[in-house]
PDB file of N, CA and C in Angstrom:
ATOM      1  N   MET A   1       0.846  -1.171   0.000  1.00  0.00           N
ATOM      2  CA  MET A   1       0.000   0.000   0.000  1.00  0.00           C
ATOM      3  C   MET A   1       0.895   1.239   0.000  1.00  0.00           C
ATOM      4  N   ASP A   2       0.630   2.188  -0.828  1.00  0.00           N
ATOM      5  CA  ASP A   2       1.346   3.428  -1.020  1.00  0.00           C
ATOM      6  C   ASP A   2       0.984   4.428   0.074  1.00  0.00           C
ATOM      7  N   GLU A   3       1.986   5.124   0.629  1.00  0.00           N
ATOM      8  CA  GLU A   3       1.722   6.089   1.699  1.00  0.00           C
ATOM      9  C   GLU A   3       0.825   7.233   1.256  1.00  0.00           C
ATOM     10  N   GLN A   4       0.869   7.561  -0.029  1.00  0.00           N
ATOM     11  CA  GLN A   4       0.068   8.674  -0.531  1.00  0.00           C
ATOM     12  C   GLN A   4      -1.386   8.297  -0.771  1.00  0.00           C
ATOM     13  N   SER A   5      -1.691   7.026  -0.810  1.00  0.00           N
ATOM     14  CA  SER A   5      -3.079   6.610  -1.038  1.00  0.00           C
ATOM     15  C   SER A   5      -3.491   5.553  -0.020  1.00  0.00           C
ATOM     16  N   PRO A   6      -3.677   5.980   1.246  1.00  0.00           N
ATOM     17  CA  PRO A   6      -4.061   5.001   2.281  1.00  0.00           C
ATOM     18  C   PRO A   6      -5.426   4.408   1.990  1.00  0.00           C
ATOM     19  N   GLN A   7      -5.581   3.168   2.399  1.00  0.00           N
ATOM     20  CA  GLN A   7      -6.857   2.483   2.207  1.00  0.00           C
ATOM     21  C   GLN A   7      -7.870   3.044   3.198  1.00  0.00           C
ATOM     22  N   ALA A   8      -9.027   3.453   2.703  1.00  0.00           N
ATOM     23  CA  ALA A   8     -10.049   4.079   3.545  1.00  0.00           C
ATOM     24  C   ALA A   8     -10.843   3.042   4.316  1.00  0.00           C
ATOM     25  N   ILE A   9     -11.290   3.444   5.485  1.00  0.00           N
ATOM     26  CA  ILE A   9     -12.223   2.634   6.260  1.00  0.00           C
ATOM     27  C   ILE A   9     -13.595   3.222   5.991  1.00  0.00           C
ATOM     28  N   THR A  10     -14.499   2.390   5.532  1.00  0.00           N
ATOM     29  CA  THR A  10     -15.812   2.892   5.147  1.00  0.00           C
ATOM     30  C   THR A  10     -16.914   2.050   5.748  1.00  0.00           C
ATOM     31  N   THR A  11     -18.102   2.599   5.785  1.00  0.00           N
ATOM     32  CA  THR A  11     -19.279   1.852   6.179  1.00  0.00           C
ATOM     33  C   THR A  11     -19.811   1.175   4.928  1.00  0.00           C
ATOM     34  N   PRO A  12     -20.115  -0.125   4.990  1.00  0.00           N
ATOM     35  CA  PRO A  12     -20.620  -0.807   3.806  1.00  0.00           C
ATOM     36  C   PRO A  12     -21.955  -0.207   3.354  1.00  0.00           C
ATOM     37  N   PRO A  13     -22.275  -0.315   2.071  1.00  0.00           N
ATOM     38  CA  PRO A  13     -23.528   0.226   1.573  1.00  0.00           C
ATOM     39  C   PRO A  13     -24.729  -0.486   2.197  1.00  0.00           C
ATOM     40  N   ALA A  14     -25.840   0.239   2.306  1.00  0.00           N
ATOM     41  CA  ALA A  14     -27.076  -0.356   2.837  1.00  0.00           C
ATOM     42  C   ALA A  14     -27.530  -1.475   1.908  1.00  0.00           C
ATOM     43  N   THR A  15     -28.108  -2.501   2.487  1.00  0.00           N
ATOM     44  CA  THR A  15     -28.560  -3.642   1.704  1.00  0.00           C
ATOM     45  C   THR A  15     -29.825  -4.209   2.324  1.00  0.00           C
ATOM     46  N   SER A  16     -30.598  -4.910   1.533  1.00  0.00           N
ATOM     47  CA  SER A  16     -31.805  -5.538   2.071  1.00  0.00           C
ATOM     48  C   SER A  16     -31.484  -6.892   2.695  1.00  0.00           C
ATOM     49  N   ARG A  17     -30.239  -7.288   2.595  1.00  0.00           N
ATOM     50  CA  ARG A  17     -29.827  -8.550   3.193  1.00  0.00           C
ATOM     51  C   ARG A  17     -29.340  -8.306   4.609  1.00  0.00           C
ATOM     52  N   ALA A  18     -29.394  -9.337   5.426  1.00  0.00           N
ATOM     53  CA  ALA A  18     -28.996  -9.234   6.826  1.00  0.00           C
ATOM     54  C   ALA A  18     -27.742 -10.071   7.060  1.00  0.00           C
ATOM     55  N   GLN A  19     -26.960  -9.662   8.046  1.00  0.00           N
ATOM     56  CA  GLN A  19     -25.761 -10.398   8.410  1.00  0.00           C
ATOM     57  C   GLN A  19     -26.013 -11.199   9.683  1.00  0.00           C
ATOM     58  N   PHE A  20     -25.353 -12.353   9.744  1.00  0.00           N
ATOM     59  CA  PHE A  20     -25.430 -13.227  10.913  1.00  0.00           C
ATOM     60  C   PHE A  20     -24.045 -13.764  11.207  1.00  0.00           C
ATOM     61  N   MET A  21     -23.754 -13.909  12.495  1.00  0.00           N
ATOM     62  CA  MET A  21     -22.497 -14.492  12.945  1.00  0.00           C
ATOM     63  C   MET A  21     -22.786 -15.917  13.406  1.00  0.00           C
ATOM     64  N   ILE A  22     -22.071 -16.844  12.831  1.00  0.00           N
ATOM     65  CA  ILE A  22     -22.163 -18.248  13.219  1.00  0.00           C
ATOM     66  C   ILE A  22     -20.857 -18.578  13.943  1.00  0.00           C
ATOM     67  N   ARG A  23     -20.974 -19.019  15.183  1.00  0.00           N
ATOM     68  CA  ARG A  23     -19.791 -19.444  15.937  1.00  0.00           C
ATOM     69  C   ARG A  23     -19.775 -20.960  15.972  1.00  0.00           C
ATOM     70  N   LEU A  24     -18.613 -21.503  15.729  1.00  0.00           N
ATOM     71  CA  LEU A  24     -18.415 -22.953  15.689  1.00  0.00           C
ATOM     72  C   LEU A  24     -17.475 -23.358  16.819  1.00  0.00           C
ATOM     73  N   PHE A  25     -17.885 -24.372  17.575  1.00  0.00           N
ATOM     74  CA  PHE A  25     -17.113 -24.848  18.726  1.00  0.00           C
ATOM     75  C   PHE A  25     -16.810 -26.337  18.530  1.00  0.00           C
ATOM     76  N   PRO A  26     -15.529 -26.707  18.402  1.00  0.00           N
ATOM     77  CA  PRO A  26     -15.196 -28.115  18.209  1.00  0.00           C
ATOM     78  C   PRO A  26     -15.535 -28.950  19.435  1.00  0.00           C
ATOM     79  N   ARG A  27     -16.195 -30.054  19.195  1.00  0.00           N
ATOM     80  CA  ARG A  27     -16.584 -30.940  20.307  1.00  0.00           C
ATOM     81  C   ARG A  27     -15.365 -31.571  20.981  1.00  0.00           C
ATOM     82  N   ARG A  28     -14.264 -31.724  20.230  1.00  0.00           N
ATOM     83  CA  ARG A  28     -13.042 -32.295  20.812  1.00  0.00           C
ATOM     84  C   ARG A  28     -12.045 -31.210  21.218  1.00  0.00           C
ATOM     85  N   GLY A  29     -12.464 -29.961  21.223  1.00  0.00           N
ATOM     86  CA  GLY A  29     -11.569 -28.873  21.607  1.00  0.00           C
ATOM     87  C   GLY A  29     -10.347 -28.797  20.723  1.00  0.00           C
ATOM     88  N   ILE A  30      -9.210 -28.494  21.332  1.00  0.00           N
ATOM     89  CA  ILE A  30      -7.958 -28.314  20.599  1.00  0.00           C
ATOM     90  C   ILE A  30      -7.521 -29.583  19.874  1.00  0.00           C
ATOM     91  N   GLY A  31      -8.013 -30.735  20.317  1.00  0.00           N
ATOM     92  CA  GLY A  31      -7.663 -31.998  19.661  1.00  0.00           C
ATOM     93  C   GLY A  31      -8.001 -32.003  18.182  1.00  0.00           C
ATOM     94  N   LEU A  32      -9.061 -31.297  17.817  1.00  0.00           N
ATOM     95  CA  LEU A  32      -9.451 -31.229  16.410  1.00  0.00           C
ATOM     96  C   LEU A  32      -8.349 -30.583  15.574  1.00  0.00           C
ATOM     97  N   LEU A  33      -7.688 -29.569  16.110  1.00  0.00           N
ATOM     98  CA  LEU A  33      -6.626 -28.894  15.366  1.00  0.00           C
ATOM     99  C   LEU A  33      -5.279 -29.581  15.512  1.00  0.00           C
ATOM    100  N   LYS A  34      -4.987 -30.086  16.693  1.00  0.00           N
ATOM    101  CA  LYS A  34      -3.671 -30.681  16.944  1.00  0.00           C
ATOM    102  C   LYS A  34      -3.529 -32.090  16.387  1.00  0.00           C
ATOM    103  N   SER A  35      -4.602 -32.868  16.448  1.00  0.00           N
ATOM    104  CA  SER A  35      -4.490 -34.255  15.997  1.00  0.00           C
ATOM    105  C   SER A  35      -5.813 -34.732  15.381  1.00  0.00           C
ATOM    106  N   PRO A  36      -6.182 -34.143  14.241  1.00  0.00           N
ATOM    107  CA  PRO A  36      -7.437 -34.562  13.619  1.00  0.00           C
ATOM    108  C   PRO A  36      -7.346 -35.998  13.096  1.00  0.00           C
ATOM    109  N   THR A  37      -8.449 -36.702  13.205  1.00  0.00           N
ATOM    110  CA  THR A  37      -8.527 -38.056  12.647  1.00  0.00           C
ATOM    111  C   THR A  37      -8.631 -37.935  11.125  1.00  0.00           C
ATOM    112  N   PRO A  38      -8.411 -39.022  10.398  1.00  0.00           N
ATOM    113  CA  PRO A  38      -8.595 -38.968   8.942  1.00  0.00           C
ATOM    114  C   PRO A  38     -10.012 -38.505   8.560  1.00  0.00           C
ATOM    115  N   GLU A  39     -11.015 -38.941   9.305  1.00  0.00           N
ATOM    116  CA  GLU A  39     -12.391 -38.514   9.027  1.00  0.00           C
ATOM    117  C   GLU A  39     -12.535 -37.006   9.253  1.00  0.00           C
ATOM    118  N   GLU A  40     -11.947 -36.501  10.344  1.00  0.00           N
ATOM    119  CA  GLU A  40     -12.022 -35.062  10.627  1.00  0.00           C
ATOM    120  C   GLU A  40     -11.293 -34.244   9.557  1.00  0.00           C
ATOM    121  N   ARG A  41     -10.166 -34.771   9.060  1.00  0.00           N
ATOM    122  CA  ARG A  41      -9.449 -34.078   7.973  1.00  0.00           C
ATOM    123  C   ARG A  41     -10.341 -33.949   6.741  1.00  0.00           C
ATOM    124  N   ALA A  42     -11.067 -34.999   6.426  1.00  0.00           N
ATOM    125  CA  ALA A  42     -11.974 -34.967   5.272  1.00  0.00           C
ATOM    126  C   ALA A  42     -13.098 -33.954   5.501  1.00  0.00           C
ATOM    127  N   ILE A  43     -13.598 -33.894   6.722  1.00  0.00           N
ATOM    128  CA  ILE A  43     -14.668 -32.944   7.046  1.00  0.00           C
ATOM    129  C   ILE A  43     -14.129 -31.515   6.976  1.00  0.00           C
ATOM    130  N   MET A  44     -12.904 -31.292   7.430  1.00  0.00           N
ATOM    131  CA  MET A  44     -12.278 -29.965   7.328  1.00  0.00           C
ATOM    132  C   MET A  44     -12.177 -29.534   5.867  1.00  0.00           C
ATOM    133  N   ALA A  45     -11.765 -30.457   5.010  1.00  0.00           N
ATOM    134  CA  ALA A  45     -11.655 -30.146   3.584  1.00  0.00           C
ATOM    135  C   ALA A  45     -13.031 -29.806   3.007  1.00  0.00           C
ATOM    136  N   ALA A  46     -14.049 -30.568   3.395  1.00  0.00           N
ATOM    137  CA  ALA A  46     -15.412 -30.293   2.916  1.00  0.00           C
ATOM    138  C   ALA A  46     -15.893 -28.930   3.420  1.00  0.00           C
ATOM    139  N   HIS A  47     -15.537 -28.569   4.662  1.00  0.00           N
ATOM    140  CA  HIS A  47     -15.897 -27.262   5.220  1.00  0.00           C
ATOM    141  C   HIS A  47     -15.272 -26.139   4.394  1.00  0.00           C
ATOM    142  N   ARG A  48     -13.987 -26.281   4.041  1.00  0.00           N
ATOM    143  CA  ARG A  48     -13.313 -25.250   3.229  1.00  0.00           C
ATOM    144  C   ARG A  48     -13.986 -25.102   1.874  1.00  0.00           C
ATOM    145  N   ILE A  49     -14.360 -26.211   1.263  1.00  0.00           N
ATOM    146  CA  ILE A  49     -15.058 -26.167  -0.030  1.00  0.00           C
ATOM    147  C   ILE A  49     -16.408 -25.475   0.128  1.00  0.00           C
ATOM    148  N   TYR A  50     -17.112 -25.779   1.208  1.00  0.00           N
ATOM    149  CA  TYR A  50     -18.408 -25.165   1.498  1.00  0.00           C
ATOM    150  C   TYR A  50     -18.255 -23.651   1.679  1.00  0.00           C
ATOM    151  N   MET A  51     -17.233 -23.226   2.428  1.00  0.00           N
ATOM    152  CA  MET A  51     -16.995 -21.793   2.637  1.00  0.00           C
ATOM    153  C   MET A  51     -16.680 -21.105   1.311  1.00  0.00           C
ATOM    154  N   ARG A  52     -15.868 -21.748   0.474  1.00  0.00           N
ATOM    155  CA  ARG A  52     -15.523 -21.178  -0.838  1.00  0.00           C
ATOM    156  C   ARG A  52     -16.787 -21.014  -1.687  1.00  0.00           C
ATOM    157  N   ALA A  53     -17.682 -22.002  -1.657  1.00  0.00           N
ATOM    158  CA  ALA A  53     -18.928 -21.917  -2.424  1.00  0.00           C
ATOM    159  C   ALA A  53     -19.800 -20.766  -1.922  1.00  0.00           C
ATOM    160  N   LEU A  54     -19.859 -20.579  -0.601  1.00  0.00           N
ATOM    161  CA  LEU A  54     -20.617 -19.449  -0.049  1.00  0.00           C
ATOM    162  C   LEU A  54     -20.009 -18.130  -0.510  1.00  0.00           C
ATOM    163  N   ALA A  55     -18.686 -18.046  -0.504  1.00  0.00           N
ATOM    164  CA  ALA A  55     -18.003 -16.827  -0.953  1.00  0.00           C
ATOM    165  C   ALA A  55     -18.293 -16.568  -2.427  1.00  0.00           C
ATOM    166  N   ASP A  56     -18.222 -17.624  -3.231  1.00  0.00           N
ATOM    167  CA  ASP A  56     -18.475 -17.477  -4.666  1.00  0.00           C
ATOM    168  C   ASP A  56     -19.897 -17.007  -4.961  1.00  0.00           C
ATOM    169  N   ARG A  57     -20.847 -17.352  -4.078  1.00  0.00           N
ATOM    170  CA  ARG A  57     -22.243 -16.939  -4.257  1.00  0.00           C
ATOM    171  C   ARG A  57     -22.541 -15.605  -3.567  1.00  0.00           C
ATOM    172  N   GLY A  58     -21.522 -14.963  -3.004  1.00  0.00           N
ATOM    173  CA  GLY A  58     -21.702 -13.666  -2.374  1.00  0.00           C
ATOM    174  C   GLY A  58     -22.386 -13.717  -1.019  1.00  0.00           C
ATOM    175  N   ARG A  59     -22.398 -14.865  -0.384  1.00  0.00           N
ATOM    176  CA  ARG A  59     -23.061 -15.004   0.921  1.00  0.00           C
ATOM    177  C   ARG A  59     -22.084 -14.922   2.089  1.00  0.00           C
ATOM    178  N   LEU A  60     -20.822 -15.205   1.865  1.00  0.00           N
ATOM    179  CA  LEU A  60     -19.824 -15.200   2.933  1.00  0.00           C
ATOM    180  C   LEU A  60     -19.180 -13.822   3.035  1.00  0.00           C
ATOM    181  N   VAL A  61     -19.217 -13.235   4.224  1.00  0.00           N
ATOM    182  CA  VAL A  61     -18.534 -11.972   4.481  1.00  0.00           C
ATOM    183  C   VAL A  61     -17.099 -12.274   4.918  1.00  0.00           C
ATOM    184  N   LEU A  62     -16.949 -13.191   5.879  1.00  0.00           N
ATOM    185  CA  LEU A  62     -15.624 -13.614   6.327  1.00  0.00           C
ATOM    186  C   LEU A  62     -15.751 -14.900   7.124  1.00  0.00           C
ATOM    187  N   THR A  63     -14.634 -15.574   7.264  1.00  0.00           N
ATOM    188  CA  THR A  63     -14.558 -16.749   8.123  1.00  0.00           C
ATOM    189  C   THR A  63     -13.149 -16.831   8.687  1.00  0.00           C
ATOM    190  N   GLY A  64     -13.030 -17.376   9.864  1.00  0.00           N
ATOM    191  CA  GLY A  64     -11.724 -17.511  10.480  1.00  0.00           C
ATOM    192  C   GLY A  64     -11.836 -18.237  11.799  1.00  0.00           C
ATOM    193  N   LEU A  65     -10.701 -18.410  12.468  1.00  0.00           N
ATOM    194  CA  LEU A  65     -10.724 -19.078  13.750  1.00  0.00           C
ATOM    195  C   LEU A  65      -9.867 -18.336  14.755  1.00  0.00           C
ATOM    196  N   SER A  66     -10.206 -18.522  15.999  1.00  0.00           N
ATOM    197  CA  SER A  66      -9.472 -17.898  17.093  1.00  0.00           C
ATOM    198  C   SER A  66      -8.089 -18.516  17.175  1.00  0.00           C
ATOM    199  N   GLU A  67      -7.098 -17.695  17.395  1.00  0.00           N
ATOM    200  CA  GLU A  67      -5.747 -18.215  17.602  1.00  0.00           C
ATOM    201  C   GLU A  67      -5.454 -18.405  19.078  1.00  0.00           C
ATOM    202  N   ASP A  68      -6.443 -18.142  19.923  1.00  0.00           N
ATOM    203  CA  ASP A  68      -6.335 -18.387  21.355  1.00  0.00           C
ATOM    204  C   ASP A  68      -6.668 -19.858  21.571  1.00  0.00           C
ATOM    205  N   LEU A  69      -5.657 -20.665  21.789  1.00  0.00           N
ATOM    206  CA  LEU A  69      -5.853 -22.108  21.859  1.00  0.00           C
ATOM    207  C   LEU A  69      -6.649 -22.556  23.073  1.00  0.00           C
ATOM    208  N   SER A  70      -6.923 -21.637  24.004  1.00  0.00           N
ATOM    209  CA  SER A  70      -7.745 -22.024  25.152  1.00  0.00           C
ATOM    210  C   SER A  70      -9.236 -21.987  24.804  1.00  0.00           C
ATOM    211  N   THR A  71      -9.596 -21.279  23.738  1.00  0.00           N
ATOM    212  CA  THR A  71     -11.015 -21.194  23.364  1.00  0.00           C
ATOM    213  C   THR A  71     -11.331 -21.944  22.083  1.00  0.00           C
ATOM    214  N   VAL A  72     -10.416 -22.004  21.166  1.00  0.00           N
ATOM    215  CA  VAL A  72     -10.551 -22.717  19.893  1.00  0.00           C
ATOM    216  C   VAL A  72     -11.967 -22.682  19.333  1.00  0.00           C
ATOM    217  N   ASP A  73     -12.338 -21.578  18.752  1.00  0.00           N
ATOM    218  CA  ASP A  73     -13.630 -21.509  18.098  1.00  0.00           C
ATOM    219  C   ASP A  73     -13.473 -20.813  16.759  1.00  0.00           C
ATOM    220  N   GLY A  74     -14.431 -21.042  15.890  1.00  0.00           N
ATOM    221  CA  GLY A  74     -14.422 -20.431  14.580  1.00  0.00           C
ATOM    222  C   GLY A  74     -15.576 -19.461  14.449  1.00  0.00           C
ATOM    223  N   VAL A  75     -15.437 -18.536  13.511  1.00  0.00           N
ATOM    224  CA  VAL A  75     -16.476 -17.558  13.246  1.00  0.00           C
ATOM    225  C   VAL A  75     -16.731 -17.528  11.744  1.00  0.00           C
ATOM    226  N   VAL A  76     -18.007 -17.498  11.402  1.00  0.00           N
ATOM    227  CA  VAL A  76     -18.430 -17.343  10.018  1.00  0.00           C
ATOM    228  C   VAL A  76     -19.443 -16.208  10.013  1.00  0.00           C
ATOM    229  N   ILE A  77     -19.210 -15.189   9.205  1.00  0.00           N
ATOM    230  CA  ILE A  77     -20.173 -14.105   9.044  1.00  0.00           C
ATOM    231  C   ILE A  77     -20.771 -14.259   7.655  1.00  0.00           C
ATOM    232  N   VAL A  78     -22.094 -14.370   7.613  1.00  0.00           N
ATOM    233  CA  VAL A  78     -22.786 -14.502   6.334  1.00  0.00           C
ATOM    234  C   VAL A  78     -23.732 -13.325   6.139  1.00  0.00           C
ATOM    235  N   GLU A  79     -24.023 -13.041   4.888  1.00  0.00           N
ATOM    236  CA  GLU A  79     -24.990 -12.008   4.538  1.00  0.00           C
ATOM    237  C   GLU A  79     -26.016 -12.669   3.621  1.00  0.00           C
ATOM    238  N   VAL A  80     -27.235 -12.781   4.137  1.00  0.00           N
ATOM    239  CA  VAL A  80     -28.299 -13.523   3.453  1.00  0.00           C
ATOM    240  C   VAL A  80     -29.615 -12.764   3.561  1.00  0.00           C
ATOM    241  N   GLY A  81     -30.648 -13.305   2.954  1.00  0.00           N
ATOM    242  CA  GLY A  81     -31.939 -12.637   2.939  1.00  0.00           C
ATOM    243  C   GLY A  81     -32.765 -12.780   4.196  1.00  0.00           C
ATOM    244  N   SER A  82     -32.455 -13.771   5.037  1.00  0.00           N
ATOM    245  CA  SER A  82     -33.282 -13.996   6.228  1.00  0.00           C
ATOM    246  C   SER A  82     -32.528 -14.838   7.250  1.00  0.00           C
ATOM    247  N   GLU A  83     -33.062 -14.853   8.472  1.00  0.00           N
ATOM    248  CA  GLU A  83     -32.467 -15.704   9.502  1.00  0.00           C
ATOM    249  C   GLU A  83     -32.595 -17.173   9.109  1.00  0.00           C
ATOM    250  N   ARG A  84     -33.688 -17.540   8.460  1.00  0.00           N
ATOM    251  CA  ARG A  84     -33.862 -18.934   8.019  1.00  0.00           C
ATOM    252  C   ARG A  84     -32.730 -19.343   7.075  1.00  0.00           C
ATOM    253  N   GLU A  85     -32.367 -18.452   6.154  1.00  0.00           N
ATOM    254  CA  GLU A  85     -31.259 -18.747   5.237  1.00  0.00           C
ATOM    255  C   GLU A  85     -29.952 -18.907   6.011  1.00  0.00           C
ATOM    256  N   ALA A  86     -29.737 -18.047   7.005  1.00  0.00           N
ATOM    257  CA  ALA A  86     -28.522 -18.147   7.817  1.00  0.00           C
ATOM    258  C   ALA A  86     -28.500 -19.481   8.567  1.00  0.00           C
ATOM    259  N   ARG A  87     -29.643 -19.876   9.099  1.00  0.00           N
ATOM    260  CA  ARG A  87     -29.723 -21.174   9.799  1.00  0.00           C
ATOM    261  C   ARG A  87     -29.461 -22.328   8.829  1.00  0.00           C
ATOM    262  N   ASP A  88     -29.952 -22.210   7.604  1.00  0.00           N
ATOM    263  CA  ASP A  88     -29.676 -23.236   6.600  1.00  0.00           C
ATOM    264  C   ASP A  88     -28.176 -23.332   6.326  1.00  0.00           C
ATOM    265  N   VAL A  89     -27.522 -22.167   6.213  1.00  0.00           N
ATOM    266  CA  VAL A  89     -26.068 -22.159   6.009  1.00  0.00           C
ATOM    267  C   VAL A  89     -25.387 -22.886   7.168  1.00  0.00           C
ATOM    268  N   MET A  90     -25.778 -22.538   8.382  1.00  0.00           N
ATOM    269  CA  MET A  90     -25.175 -23.141   9.571  1.00  0.00           C
ATOM    270  C   MET A  90     -25.427 -24.654   9.612  1.00  0.00           C
ATOM    271  N   GLU A  91     -26.667 -25.053   9.414  1.00  0.00           N
ATOM    272  CA  GLU A  91     -27.031 -26.462   9.541  1.00  0.00           C
ATOM    273  C   GLU A  91     -26.449 -27.334   8.442  1.00  0.00           C
ATOM    274  N   ASN A  92     -26.089 -26.732   7.296  1.00  0.00           N
ATOM    275  CA  ASN A  92     -25.523 -27.502   6.189  1.00  0.00           C
ATOM    276  C   ASN A  92     -24.011 -27.447   6.122  1.00  0.00           C
ATOM    277  N   ASP A  93     -23.393 -26.772   7.080  1.00  0.00           N
ATOM    278  CA  ASP A  93     -21.936 -26.767   7.154  1.00  0.00           C
ATOM    279  C   ASP A  93     -21.492 -28.201   7.461  1.00  0.00           C
ATOM    280  N   PRO A  94     -20.538 -28.745   6.707  1.00  0.00           N
ATOM    281  CA  PRO A  94     -20.076 -30.108   6.959  1.00  0.00           C
ATOM    282  C   PRO A  94     -19.639 -30.351   8.406  1.00  0.00           C
ATOM    283  N   PHE A  95     -19.060 -29.344   9.066  1.00  0.00           N
ATOM    284  CA  PHE A  95     -18.688 -29.495  10.473  1.00  0.00           C
ATOM    285  C   PHE A  95     -19.905 -29.797  11.335  1.00  0.00           C
ATOM    286  N   VAL A  96     -20.991 -29.099  11.090  1.00  0.00           N
ATOM    287  CA  VAL A  96     -22.217 -29.262  11.884  1.00  0.00           C
ATOM    288  C   VAL A  96     -22.931 -30.549  11.489  1.00  0.00           C
ATOM    289  N   LEU A  97     -23.036 -30.811  10.195  1.00  0.00           N
ATOM    290  CA  LEU A  97     -23.691 -32.034   9.723  1.00  0.00           C
ATOM    291  C   LEU A  97     -23.045 -33.286  10.311  1.00  0.00           C
ATOM    292  N   ALA A  98     -21.719 -33.274  10.409  1.00  0.00           N
ATOM    293  CA  ALA A  98     -20.986 -34.445  10.907  1.00  0.00           C
ATOM    294  C   ALA A  98     -20.935 -34.499  12.436  1.00  0.00           C
ATOM    295  N   GLY A  99     -21.387 -33.423  13.094  1.00  0.00           N
ATOM    296  CA  GLY A  99     -21.346 -33.398  14.552  1.00  0.00           C
ATOM    297  C   GLY A  99     -19.966 -33.117  15.124  1.00  0.00           C
ATOM    298  N   VAL A 100     -19.038 -32.671  14.274  1.00  0.00           N
ATOM    299  CA  VAL A 100     -17.685 -32.353  14.720  1.00  0.00           C
ATOM    300  C   VAL A 100     -17.676 -31.060  15.521  1.00  0.00           C
ATOM    301  N   MET A 101     -18.578 -30.153  15.155  1.00  0.00           N
ATOM    302  CA  MET A 101     -18.686 -28.880  15.867  1.00  0.00           C
ATOM    303  C   MET A 101     -20.140 -28.603  16.213  1.00  0.00           C
ATOM    304  N   ARG A 102     -20.324 -27.918  17.324  1.00  0.00           N
ATOM    305  CA  ARG A 102     -21.644 -27.390  17.626  1.00  0.00           C
ATOM    306  C   ARG A 102     -21.618 -25.935  17.194  1.00  0.00           C
ATOM    307  N   ALA A 103     -22.778 -25.398  16.876  1.00  0.00           N
ATOM    308  CA  ALA A 103     -22.832 -24.042  16.339  1.00  0.00           C
ATOM    309  C   ALA A 103     -23.926 -23.239  17.012  1.00  0.00           C
ATOM    310  N   GLU A 104     -23.694 -21.932  17.028  1.00  0.00           N
ATOM    311  CA  GLU A 104     -24.731 -21.011  17.486  1.00  0.00           C
ATOM    312  C   GLU A 104     -24.740 -19.835  16.519  1.00  0.00           C
ATOM    313  N   ILE A 105     -25.878 -19.185  16.436  1.00  0.00           N
ATOM    314  CA  ILE A 105     -26.047 -18.098  15.472  1.00  0.00           C
ATOM    315  C   ILE A 105     -26.601 -16.865  16.170  1.00  0.00           C
ATOM    316  N   ARG A 106     -26.148 -15.704  15.699  1.00  0.00           N
ATOM    317  CA  ARG A 106     -26.626 -14.431  16.237  1.00  0.00           C
ATOM    318  C   ARG A 106     -26.700 -13.412  15.114  1.00  0.00           C
ATOM    319  N   PRO A 107     -27.644 -12.493  15.187  1.00  0.00           N
ATOM    320  CA  PRO A 107     -27.645 -11.388  14.224  1.00  0.00           C
ATOM    321  C   PRO A 107     -26.338 -10.602  14.374  1.00  0.00           C
ATOM    322  N   PHE A 108     -25.876 -10.036  13.282  1.00  0.00           N
ATOM    323  CA  PHE A 108     -24.612  -9.309  13.275  1.00  0.00           C
ATOM    324  C   PHE A 108     -24.760  -8.111  12.345  1.00  0.00           C
ATOM    325  N   ARG A 109     -24.033  -7.061  12.652  1.00  0.00           N
ATOM    326  CA  ARG A 109     -24.049  -5.887  11.763  1.00  0.00           C
ATOM    327  C   ARG A 109     -22.646  -5.320  11.668  1.00  0.00           C
ATOM    328  N   THR A 110     -22.129  -5.254  10.458  1.00  0.00           N
ATOM    329  CA  THR A 110     -20.846  -4.620  10.233  1.00  0.00           C
ATOM    330  C   THR A 110     -21.023  -3.119  10.388  1.00  0.00           C
ATOM    331  N   VAL A 111     -20.178  -2.520  11.199  1.00  0.00           N
ATOM    332  CA  VAL A 111     -20.231  -1.075  11.402  1.00  0.00           C
ATOM    333  C   VAL A 111     -19.183  -0.398  10.543  1.00  0.00           C
ATOM    334  N   LEU A 112     -17.955  -0.902  10.562  1.00  0.00           N
ATOM    335  CA  LEU A 112     -16.865  -0.399   9.731  1.00  0.00           C
ATOM    336  C   LEU A 112     -16.136  -1.574   9.125  1.00  0.00           C
ATOM    337  N   ALA A 113     -15.652  -1.382   7.932  1.00  0.00           N
ATOM    338  CA  ALA A 113     -14.867  -2.425   7.269  1.00  0.00           C
ATOM    339  C   ALA A 113     -13.819  -1.771   6.383  1.00  0.00           C
ATOM    340  N   ARG A 114     -12.746  -2.478   6.162  1.00  0.00           N
ATOM    341  CA  ARG A 114     -11.748  -1.981   5.215  1.00  0.00           C
ATOM    342  C   ARG A 114     -12.330  -1.994   3.824  1.00  0.00           C
ATOM    343  N   ALA A 115     -11.983  -1.014   3.044  1.00  0.00           N
ATOM    344  CA  ALA A 115     -12.464  -0.949   1.654  1.00  0.00           C
ATOM    345  C   ALA A 115     -11.721  -1.943   0.801  1.00  0.00           C
TER     346      ALA A 115
END
């Protein structure tokens, strides 16, 4: 990034879609990251593919995981037309379908974001 043209922090444009935060909690805690089973590795790969598909369809705002190994949780922010759609996203995540992670959902609103 050039010093003469800093990246602006802006408020995202208004939209008729709503944002939701999905938090994912591994049932095996840190064991899922430190020593995943072959089945868990396959589920992780399916989760990444699922996230990429959501991004490609414009539904994924961001996804990531906590680097605090005492909490080990993931966050997925989606932007969809309704809470039902957000719940569908959550319930169809391979992590949730396989029972590897439990999930909870909450309404979310981006206030500021990098441009």
